[in-house]
Protein backbone atom coordinates (compact mmCIF):
# COMPACT_ATOMS: atom_id res chain seq x y z
CA LEU A 1 109.05 164.08 116.08
CA SER A 2 107.39 162.43 119.08
CA ASP A 3 107.11 158.90 117.71
CA GLY A 4 107.69 156.41 120.41
CA SER A 5 107.08 158.78 123.29
CA SER A 6 104.01 156.77 124.36
CA ALA A 7 106.52 153.96 125.16
CA HIS A 8 109.17 156.43 126.41
CA VAL A 9 111.50 155.61 123.51
CA ASP A 10 112.70 157.40 120.46
CA LEU A 11 111.16 155.89 117.28
CA THR A 12 111.56 158.89 115.00
CA GLY A 13 112.88 158.43 111.48
CA GLY A 14 112.15 155.68 108.99
CA TYR A 15 109.53 155.84 106.22
CA TYR A 16 105.79 156.15 106.08
CA ASP A 17 103.86 153.49 104.15
CA ALA A 18 102.57 154.64 100.75
CA GLY A 19 100.43 157.82 101.25
CA ASP A 20 99.50 157.40 104.94
CA ASN A 21 101.39 158.22 108.08
CA VAL A 22 101.84 154.72 109.47
CA LYS A 23 105.18 153.16 109.81
CA PHE A 24 104.97 149.42 108.98
CA ASN A 25 108.41 147.91 109.77
CA PHE A 26 107.79 144.57 107.86
CA PRO A 27 107.66 146.07 104.33
CA MET A 28 109.97 148.99 105.28
CA ALA A 29 112.75 146.50 106.39
CA PHE A 30 112.19 144.57 103.14
CA THR A 31 112.56 147.76 101.09
CA THR A 32 115.72 148.54 102.89
CA THR A 33 117.10 145.06 102.24
CA MET A 34 116.40 145.41 98.52
CA LEU A 35 117.98 148.88 98.40
CA SER A 36 121.15 147.56 99.97
CA TRP A 37 121.12 144.51 97.64
CA SER A 38 120.91 146.87 94.65
CA ALA A 39 123.79 148.95 96.00
CA LEU A 40 125.94 145.83 96.60
CA GLU A 41 125.17 144.36 93.09
CA TYR A 42 125.21 147.56 91.05
CA GLY A 43 127.07 150.19 93.09
CA LYS A 44 129.99 150.38 90.71
CA ARG A 45 127.53 151.40 87.98
CA MET A 46 125.65 153.90 89.95
CA GLY A 47 128.15 156.69 89.89
CA PRO A 48 127.20 159.61 92.21
CA GLU A 49 123.80 158.06 92.84
CA LEU A 50 125.47 155.53 95.05
CA GLN A 51 125.82 158.15 97.77
CA ASN A 52 122.19 159.04 97.45
CA ALA A 53 121.38 155.27 97.80
CA ARG A 54 123.47 155.20 101.07
CA VAL A 55 121.70 158.29 102.46
CA ASN A 56 118.27 156.60 101.91
CA ILE A 57 119.42 153.25 103.29
CA ARG A 58 120.86 154.88 106.34
CA TRP A 59 117.63 156.86 107.01
CA ALA A 60 115.88 153.48 107.25
CA THR A 61 118.60 151.75 109.21
CA ASP A 62 118.99 154.46 111.81
CA TYR A 63 115.19 153.93 112.56
CA LEU A 64 115.52 150.17 112.56
CA LEU A 65 118.49 150.37 114.93
CA LYS A 66 116.35 152.44 117.35
CA CYS A 67 113.51 149.77 117.07
CA ALA A 68 115.99 147.08 117.85
CA ARG A 69 118.02 148.64 120.61
CA ALA A 70 115.59 150.79 122.58
CA THR A 71 114.29 148.15 125.03
CA PRO A 72 116.02 144.97 125.78
CA GLY A 73 114.13 141.84 124.69
CA LYS A 74 111.70 143.72 122.68
CA LEU A 75 111.70 144.83 118.99
CA TYR A 76 109.48 147.62 117.91
CA VAL A 77 107.76 146.96 114.56
CA GLY A 78 105.48 149.83 113.83
CA VAL A 79 104.19 153.27 114.68
CA GLY A 80 100.67 154.59 114.03
CA ASP A 81 97.15 153.25 114.26
CA PRO A 82 96.35 152.01 110.63
CA ASN A 83 92.63 151.61 111.35
CA VAL A 84 92.32 155.30 112.25
CA ASP A 85 95.00 156.70 109.97
CA HIS A 86 93.51 155.09 106.85
CA LYS A 87 90.32 156.97 107.32
CA CYS A 88 91.89 160.33 106.80
CA TRP A 89 94.26 162.12 104.36
CA GLU A 90 96.55 164.73 105.85
CA ARG A 91 100.12 165.93 105.82
CA PRO A 92 102.52 164.57 108.56
CA GLU A 93 102.77 168.15 109.89
CA ASP A 94 98.95 168.18 110.46
CA MET A 95 98.36 164.58 111.67
CA ASP A 96 96.19 164.17 114.71
CA THR A 97 95.79 160.45 114.70
CA PRO A 98 97.19 158.16 117.45
CA ARG A 99 100.93 157.39 117.17
CA THR A 100 100.44 154.00 118.77
CA VAL A 101 103.72 151.89 119.19
CA TYR A 102 103.71 148.20 118.33
CA SER A 103 106.25 145.60 119.35
CA VAL A 104 107.09 141.92 119.48
CA SER A 105 108.73 140.14 122.31
CA SER A 106 109.38 136.58 123.64
CA SER A 107 105.68 136.31 124.75
CA ASN A 108 104.36 137.98 121.64
CA PRO A 109 106.83 136.65 118.96
CA GLY A 110 107.30 137.95 115.47
CA SER A 111 109.96 135.84 113.74
CA ASP A 112 109.03 137.18 110.38
CA VAL A 113 109.43 140.87 111.00
CA ALA A 114 112.45 140.21 113.22
CA ALA A 115 114.33 138.14 110.63
CA GLU A 116 113.44 140.74 107.92
CA THR A 117 114.93 143.44 110.20
CA ALA A 118 117.99 141.32 110.56
CA ALA A 119 118.26 140.94 106.83
CA ALA A 120 117.99 144.71 106.35
CA LEU A 121 120.73 145.49 108.92
CA ALA A 122 122.96 142.81 107.75
CA ALA A 123 122.72 143.76 104.06
CA ALA A 124 123.30 147.42 105.03
CA SER A 125 126.26 146.58 106.94
CA MET A 126 128.01 145.44 103.81
CA VAL A 127 127.00 148.65 102.13
CA PHE A 128 128.80 150.77 104.75
CA ARG A 129 131.65 148.31 105.42
CA LYS A 130 134.25 150.30 103.62
CA VAL A 131 132.85 153.84 103.91
CA ASP A 132 131.78 153.76 107.48
CA PRO A 133 133.30 150.72 109.32
CA LYS A 134 132.10 151.70 112.83
CA TYR A 135 128.45 152.06 111.68
CA SER A 136 128.78 148.83 109.61
CA ARG A 137 129.88 146.91 112.83
CA LEU A 138 127.00 148.28 114.65
CA LEU A 139 124.62 147.22 112.01
CA LEU A 140 126.01 143.73 111.91
CA ALA A 141 126.10 143.25 115.68
CA THR A 142 122.49 144.34 115.95
CA ALA A 143 121.50 142.07 112.99
CA LYS A 144 122.95 139.05 114.80
CA ASN A 145 120.98 139.85 118.01
CA VAL A 146 117.73 140.35 116.23
CA MET A 147 118.24 137.25 114.15
CA GLN A 148 118.87 135.25 117.24
CA PHE A 149 115.59 136.68 118.70
CA ALA A 150 113.78 135.59 115.60
CA ILE A 151 115.18 132.06 115.91
CA GLN A 152 114.56 131.63 119.59
CA TYR A 153 111.06 133.00 119.81
CA ARG A 154 109.11 131.42 116.92
CA GLY A 155 105.84 132.85 115.70
CA ALA A 156 104.18 135.13 113.09
CA TYR A 157 103.90 138.81 114.00
CA SER A 158 100.39 139.01 112.56
CA ASP A 159 99.27 136.41 115.13
CA SER A 160 100.70 138.54 117.91
CA LEU A 161 99.47 141.88 116.59
CA SER A 162 96.28 140.85 114.70
CA SER A 163 94.32 143.92 113.55
CA SER A 164 97.21 146.22 114.09
CA VAL A 165 98.89 144.83 111.02
CA CYS A 166 96.14 142.85 109.37
CA PRO A 167 94.75 143.01 106.66
CA PHE A 168 97.37 145.60 105.79
CA TYR A 169 100.60 143.54 106.02
CA CYS A 170 99.68 140.11 107.37
CA SER A 171 102.36 137.46 107.18
CA TYR A 172 100.63 135.26 104.74
CA SER A 173 103.58 133.10 103.84
CA GLY A 174 104.46 132.38 107.48
CA TYR A 175 107.83 133.09 108.93
CA LYS A 176 110.09 130.23 107.66
CA ASP A 177 110.98 132.22 104.51
CA GLU A 178 112.07 135.24 106.57
CA LEU A 179 114.21 132.97 108.77
CA MET A 180 115.87 131.48 105.66
CA TRP A 181 116.19 135.08 104.13
CA GLY A 182 117.71 136.68 107.28
CA ALA A 183 120.09 133.77 107.89
CA ALA A 184 121.13 133.97 104.20
CA TRP A 185 122.08 137.63 104.54
CA LEU A 186 123.99 137.02 107.78
CA LEU A 187 125.82 134.11 106.03
CA ARG A 188 126.84 136.50 103.33
CA ALA A 189 127.87 139.15 105.70
CA THR A 190 129.75 136.91 108.17
CA SER A 191 130.57 133.56 106.37
CA ASN A 192 129.87 131.96 109.72
CA PRO A 193 128.82 128.33 109.13
CA TYR A 194 126.32 128.67 111.96
CA TYR A 195 123.91 130.30 109.63
CA ALA A 196 124.51 127.75 106.80
CA ASN A 197 123.78 124.99 109.23
CA PHE A 198 120.54 126.81 110.56
CA ILE A 199 119.36 127.13 106.92
CA LYS A 200 119.87 123.43 106.33
CA SER A 201 117.89 122.73 109.58
CA LEU A 202 114.88 124.68 108.04
CA GLY A 203 114.57 122.12 105.18
CA VAL A 204 113.31 122.88 101.74
CA GLY A 205 110.79 125.75 101.55
CA ASP A 206 107.88 126.32 99.26
CA GLN A 207 108.38 126.43 95.55
CA PRO A 208 108.80 130.19 94.76
CA ASP A 209 106.17 131.73 92.56
CA ILE A 210 106.50 135.28 93.84
CA PHE A 211 109.03 137.56 95.54
CA SER A 212 107.54 140.31 97.67
CA TRP A 213 107.66 141.93 101.13
CA ASP A 214 105.85 138.86 102.49
CA ASN A 215 107.25 135.84 100.55
CA LYS A 216 111.08 135.70 100.49
CA TYR A 217 111.76 132.20 99.28
CA ALA A 218 112.87 133.25 95.69
CA GLY A 219 115.13 135.87 96.97
CA ALA A 220 116.63 133.55 99.61
CA TYR A 221 117.27 130.83 97.02
CA VAL A 222 119.03 133.46 94.68
CA LEU A 223 121.08 134.76 97.51
CA LEU A 224 122.15 131.35 98.69
CA SER A 225 123.04 130.28 95.22
CA ARG A 226 125.32 133.28 94.90
CA VAL A 227 126.97 132.45 98.21
CA CYS A 228 127.42 128.77 97.11
CA LEU A 229 128.89 129.85 93.89
CA ALA A 230 131.36 132.16 95.54
CA GLU A 231 132.52 129.31 97.78
CA CYS A 232 132.96 127.10 94.85
CA HIS A 233 135.12 129.62 93.07
CA LYS A 234 137.22 130.01 96.17
CA ALA A 235 137.66 126.28 96.44
CA LYS A 236 138.60 126.04 92.77
CA ARG A 237 141.24 128.80 93.24
CA ARG A 238 142.74 126.89 96.24
CA ILE A 239 142.86 123.76 94.24
CA SER A 240 144.57 125.53 91.34
CA LEU A 241 147.12 126.97 93.71
CA PHE A 242 147.77 123.67 95.30
CA ASP A 243 148.26 122.03 91.77
CA SER A 244 150.69 124.81 90.76
CA LEU A 245 152.77 124.25 93.93
CA SER A 246 152.82 120.50 93.66
C-alpha cells in the first residue's frame, strides 16, 4: 500500500508480474491492451463476464493513470527491485524487498513502454465509452499525452533503465513497433488523421513472425487492416447513398 512513497507519489494498484512482487509496466500495459481488445471484439458474446473484464481492465488502467499523471514530464514504468525480489518467494503481505520506483522522462526516454501505455489507455477508453463516459474521456486524454511523449522523446526504455528491466523485460524489438501499435489504437479511438499520417511516416516495419509483449508488429498490422476496412465500408456506403439520390 506504500508503492510510490519513495518518490512521493501514489503508485498503488496494478498487477504483479507472474509469481513475484514486481510491477513491470511494459508487459502489464500490453496485457491490459489485449484484455480491452478482447472486450471490444467479443464483448457481446461474454454475457455477465463482460463486467468482470471491465473490472480487471480498470484495476490496471487506474494504476496506469497514476503512473502517467503523478509527475508532469515523467512516466512511471515499474515498482520493485527485480534483482532482489527474484531471489525470494513471499506473500505480498510479508514482502520486505525494496519498492524501488522506475520512470522514463525526456532525458531518459522510453518510447516503447510509453507507447504501450498509450495503447492500453486508448483501447480501454473504448471499453468504457458507453458505460462510463467521464472515465473514458480521462483515459483517452491521458493516452494522447503519453503517446505524444513517446513520439517526442525517442528511445528504448531498456537503454535508459538497463539492469532494472533487463534481462527480465528488455525491449528486444526496439520501439518502432510500439509507436505503430500505440498510434494505431489512438487512430481507432479518435479517427484523427494525425495518427494515420504518423504511422505512414514510420515506414514499413519488420515482417511479423511473433506477437508478444515485446513485438507488436503483427497486432498493429491486424488493427490497421481493421481500421482501413471500416473506412472502406463507410466510403462504399456513402457512394451507394449518393448513387441512390442521383
